[in-house]
Amino acid sequence: MIRLFLRLLFIFLGVYIFYIIWKFLTDSEKKEETQKKIVKENLVKDSVCGLYLPESKAVKLQIKNQNYYFCSNECKEKFLKELNSNDKDK
């Protein structure tokens, strides 16, 4: 009876170890596939707060053929206020 119990225990442990190894290998394959799907995109720096963000998510402003990027409309407004105040000082 003890031998039967030990055999079943070893079989269970073997199947469990095989399952853990199989799960580890398949998860790493999924991670690799996901990483391949990630498109590398240029990061741009917010001209006000200095935050880096993907160009597609940035709020853009073009002044005299120069592009400025912002993380939000609030940063864009701050930039425009500073720009206007600097122009008034001149």
C-alpha atoms as a PDB file:
ATOM      1  CA  MET A   1       0.000   0.000   0.000  1.00  0.00           C
ATOM      2  CA  ILE A   2       2.849   2.373   0.837  1.00  0.00           C
ATOM      3  CA  ARG A   3       4.571   1.527  -2.457  1.00  0.00           C
ATOM      4  CA  LEU A   4       1.417   2.424  -4.382  1.00  0.00           C
ATOM      5  CA  PHE A   5       1.135   5.692  -2.506  1.00  0.00           C
ATOM      6  CA  LEU A   6       4.799   6.552  -3.219  1.00  0.00           C
ATOM      7  CA  ARG A   7       4.404   5.709  -6.915  1.00  0.00           C
ATOM      8  CA  LEU A   8       1.338   7.929  -7.200  1.00  0.00           C
ATOM      9  CA  LEU A   9       3.169  10.689  -5.329  1.00  0.00           C
ATOM     10  CA  PHE A  10       6.156  10.512  -7.715  1.00  0.00           C
ATOM     11  CA  ILE A  11       3.863  10.472 -10.736  1.00  0.00           C
ATOM     12  CA  PHE A  12       2.018  13.512  -9.401  1.00  0.00           C
ATOM     13  CA  LEU A  13       5.285  15.355  -8.709  1.00  0.00           C
ATOM     14  CA  GLY A  14       6.606  14.493 -12.170  1.00  0.00           C
ATOM     15  CA  VAL A  15       3.467  15.781 -13.872  1.00  0.00           C
ATOM     16  CA  TYR A  16       3.519  18.924 -11.717  1.00  0.00           C
ATOM     17  CA  ILE A  17       7.174  19.664 -12.521  1.00  0.00           C
ATOM     18  CA  PHE A  18       6.494  19.069 -16.222  1.00  0.00           C
ATOM     19  CA  TYR A  19       3.539  21.498 -16.017  1.00  0.00           C
ATOM     20  CA  ILE A  20       5.660  24.203 -14.365  1.00  0.00           C
ATOM     21  CA  ILE A  21       8.395  23.871 -17.003  1.00  0.00           C
ATOM     22  CA  TRP A  22       5.845  23.873 -19.847  1.00  0.00           C
ATOM     23  CA  LYS A  23       4.104  26.944 -18.448  1.00  0.00           C
ATOM     24  CA  PHE A  24       7.427  28.787 -18.062  1.00  0.00           C
ATOM     25  CA  LEU A  25       8.430  28.034 -21.653  1.00  0.00           C
ATOM     26  CA  THR A  26       5.090  29.011 -23.179  1.00  0.00           C
ATOM     27  CA  ASP A  27       4.899  32.239 -21.159  1.00  0.00           C
ATOM     28  CA  SER A  28       8.338  33.314 -22.383  1.00  0.00           C
ATOM     29  CA  GLU A  29       7.250  32.670 -25.990  1.00  0.00           C
ATOM     30  CA  LYS A  30       4.189  34.880 -25.465  1.00  0.00           C
ATOM     31  CA  LYS A  31       6.375  37.637 -24.015  1.00  0.00           C
ATOM     32  CA  GLU A  32       8.678  37.491 -27.038  1.00  0.00           C
ATOM     33  CA  GLU A  33       5.703  37.712 -29.409  1.00  0.00           C
ATOM     34  CA  THR A  34       4.330  40.695 -27.499  1.00  0.00           C
ATOM     35  CA  GLN A  35       7.689  42.458 -27.562  1.00  0.00           C
ATOM     36  CA  LYS A  36       7.949  41.955 -31.306  1.00  0.00           C
ATOM     37  CA  LYS A  37       4.550  43.570 -31.769  1.00  0.00           C
ATOM     38  CA  ILE A  38       5.583  46.697 -29.883  1.00  0.00           C
ATOM     39  CA  VAL A  39       6.348  49.363 -32.430  1.00  0.00           C
ATOM     40  CA  LYS A  40       9.354  51.463 -31.613  1.00  0.00           C
ATOM     41  CA  GLU A  41       8.244  55.060 -31.611  1.00  0.00           C
ATOM     42  CA  ASN A  42      10.209  58.258 -31.215  1.00  0.00           C
ATOM     43  CA  LEU A  43      10.058  59.857 -27.812  1.00  0.00           C
ATOM     44  CA  VAL A  44       9.748  63.614 -27.612  1.00  0.00           C
ATOM     45  CA  LYS A  45      10.400  65.910 -24.679  1.00  0.00           C
ATOM     46  CA  ASP A  46       7.761  68.250 -23.294  1.00  0.00           C
ATOM     47  CA  SER A  47       9.088  71.801 -23.700  1.00  0.00           C
ATOM     48  CA  VAL A  48       7.646  72.875 -20.326  1.00  0.00           C
ATOM     49  CA  CYS A  49       7.840  70.048 -17.787  1.00  0.00           C
ATOM     50  CA  GLY A  50      10.526  67.912 -19.467  1.00  0.00           C
ATOM     51  CA  LEU A  51       8.457  64.716 -19.614  1.00  0.00           C
ATOM     52  CA  TYR A  52       9.340  62.244 -22.384  1.00  0.00           C
ATOM     53  CA  LEU A  53       6.389  60.697 -24.204  1.00  0.00           C
ATOM     54  CA  PRO A  54       5.641  58.994 -27.545  1.00  0.00           C
ATOM     55  CA  GLU A  55       5.280  61.439 -30.398  1.00  0.00           C
ATOM     56  CA  SER A  56       1.823  60.095 -31.277  1.00  0.00           C
ATOM     57  CA  LYS A  57       0.500  60.948 -27.793  1.00  0.00           C
ATOM     58  CA  ALA A  58       2.026  64.425 -27.598  1.00  0.00           C
ATOM     59  CA  VAL A  59       0.198  67.703 -28.090  1.00  0.00           C
ATOM     60  CA  LYS A  60       2.005  69.413 -30.972  1.00  0.00           C
ATOM     61  CA  LEU A  61       2.571  73.052 -31.764  1.00  0.00           C
ATOM     62  CA  GLN A  62       4.470  74.393 -34.763  1.00  0.00           C
ATOM     63  CA  ILE A  63       5.877  77.920 -34.681  1.00  0.00           C
ATOM     64  CA  LYS A  64       8.049  79.210 -37.532  1.00  0.00           C
ATOM     65  CA  ASN A  65       8.714  75.676 -38.853  1.00  0.00           C
ATOM     66  CA  GLN A  66       9.843  74.473 -35.421  1.00  0.00           C
ATOM     67  CA  ASN A  67       7.885  71.747 -33.653  1.00  0.00           C
ATOM     68  CA  TYR A  68       7.173  71.891 -29.930  1.00  0.00           C
ATOM     69  CA  TYR A  69       5.720  68.928 -28.039  1.00  0.00           C
ATOM     70  CA  PHE A  70       3.728  68.888 -24.815  1.00  0.00           C
ATOM     71  CA  CYS A  71       2.296  66.228 -22.529  1.00  0.00           C
ATOM     72  CA  SER A  72      -0.967  68.130 -22.112  1.00  0.00           C
ATOM     73  CA  ASN A  73      -2.868  71.212 -23.172  1.00  0.00           C
ATOM     74  CA  GLU A  74      -1.983  72.777 -19.812  1.00  0.00           C
ATOM     75  CA  CYS A  75       1.736  72.623 -20.629  1.00  0.00           C
ATOM     76  CA  LYS A  76       1.030  74.010 -24.085  1.00  0.00           C
ATOM     77  CA  GLU A  77      -0.884  76.945 -22.570  1.00  0.00           C
ATOM     78  CA  LYS A  78       1.963  77.631 -20.103  1.00  0.00           C
ATOM     79  CA  PHE A  79       4.411  77.657 -22.997  1.00  0.00           C
ATOM     80  CA  LEU A  80       2.260  80.077 -25.001  1.00  0.00           C
ATOM     81  CA  LYS A  81       1.856  82.400 -21.988  1.00  0.00           C
ATOM     82  CA  GLU A  82       5.628  82.439 -21.436  1.00  0.00           C
ATOM     83  CA  LEU A  83       6.196  83.023 -25.137  1.00  0.00           C
ATOM     84  CA  ASN A  84       3.712  85.924 -25.175  1.00  0.00           C
ATOM     85  CA  SER A  85       5.213  87.484 -22.056  1.00  0.00           C
ATOM     86  CA  ASN A  86       8.707  87.266 -23.565  1.00  0.00           C
ATOM     87  CA  ASP A  87       7.455  88.902 -26.772  1.00  0.00           C
ATOM     88  CA  LYS A  88       5.877  91.762 -24.788  1.00  0.00           C
ATOM     89  CA  ASP A  89       9.160  92.386 -22.946  1.00  0.00           C
ATOM     90  CA  LYS A  90      11.042  92.916 -26.219  1.00  0.00           C
END
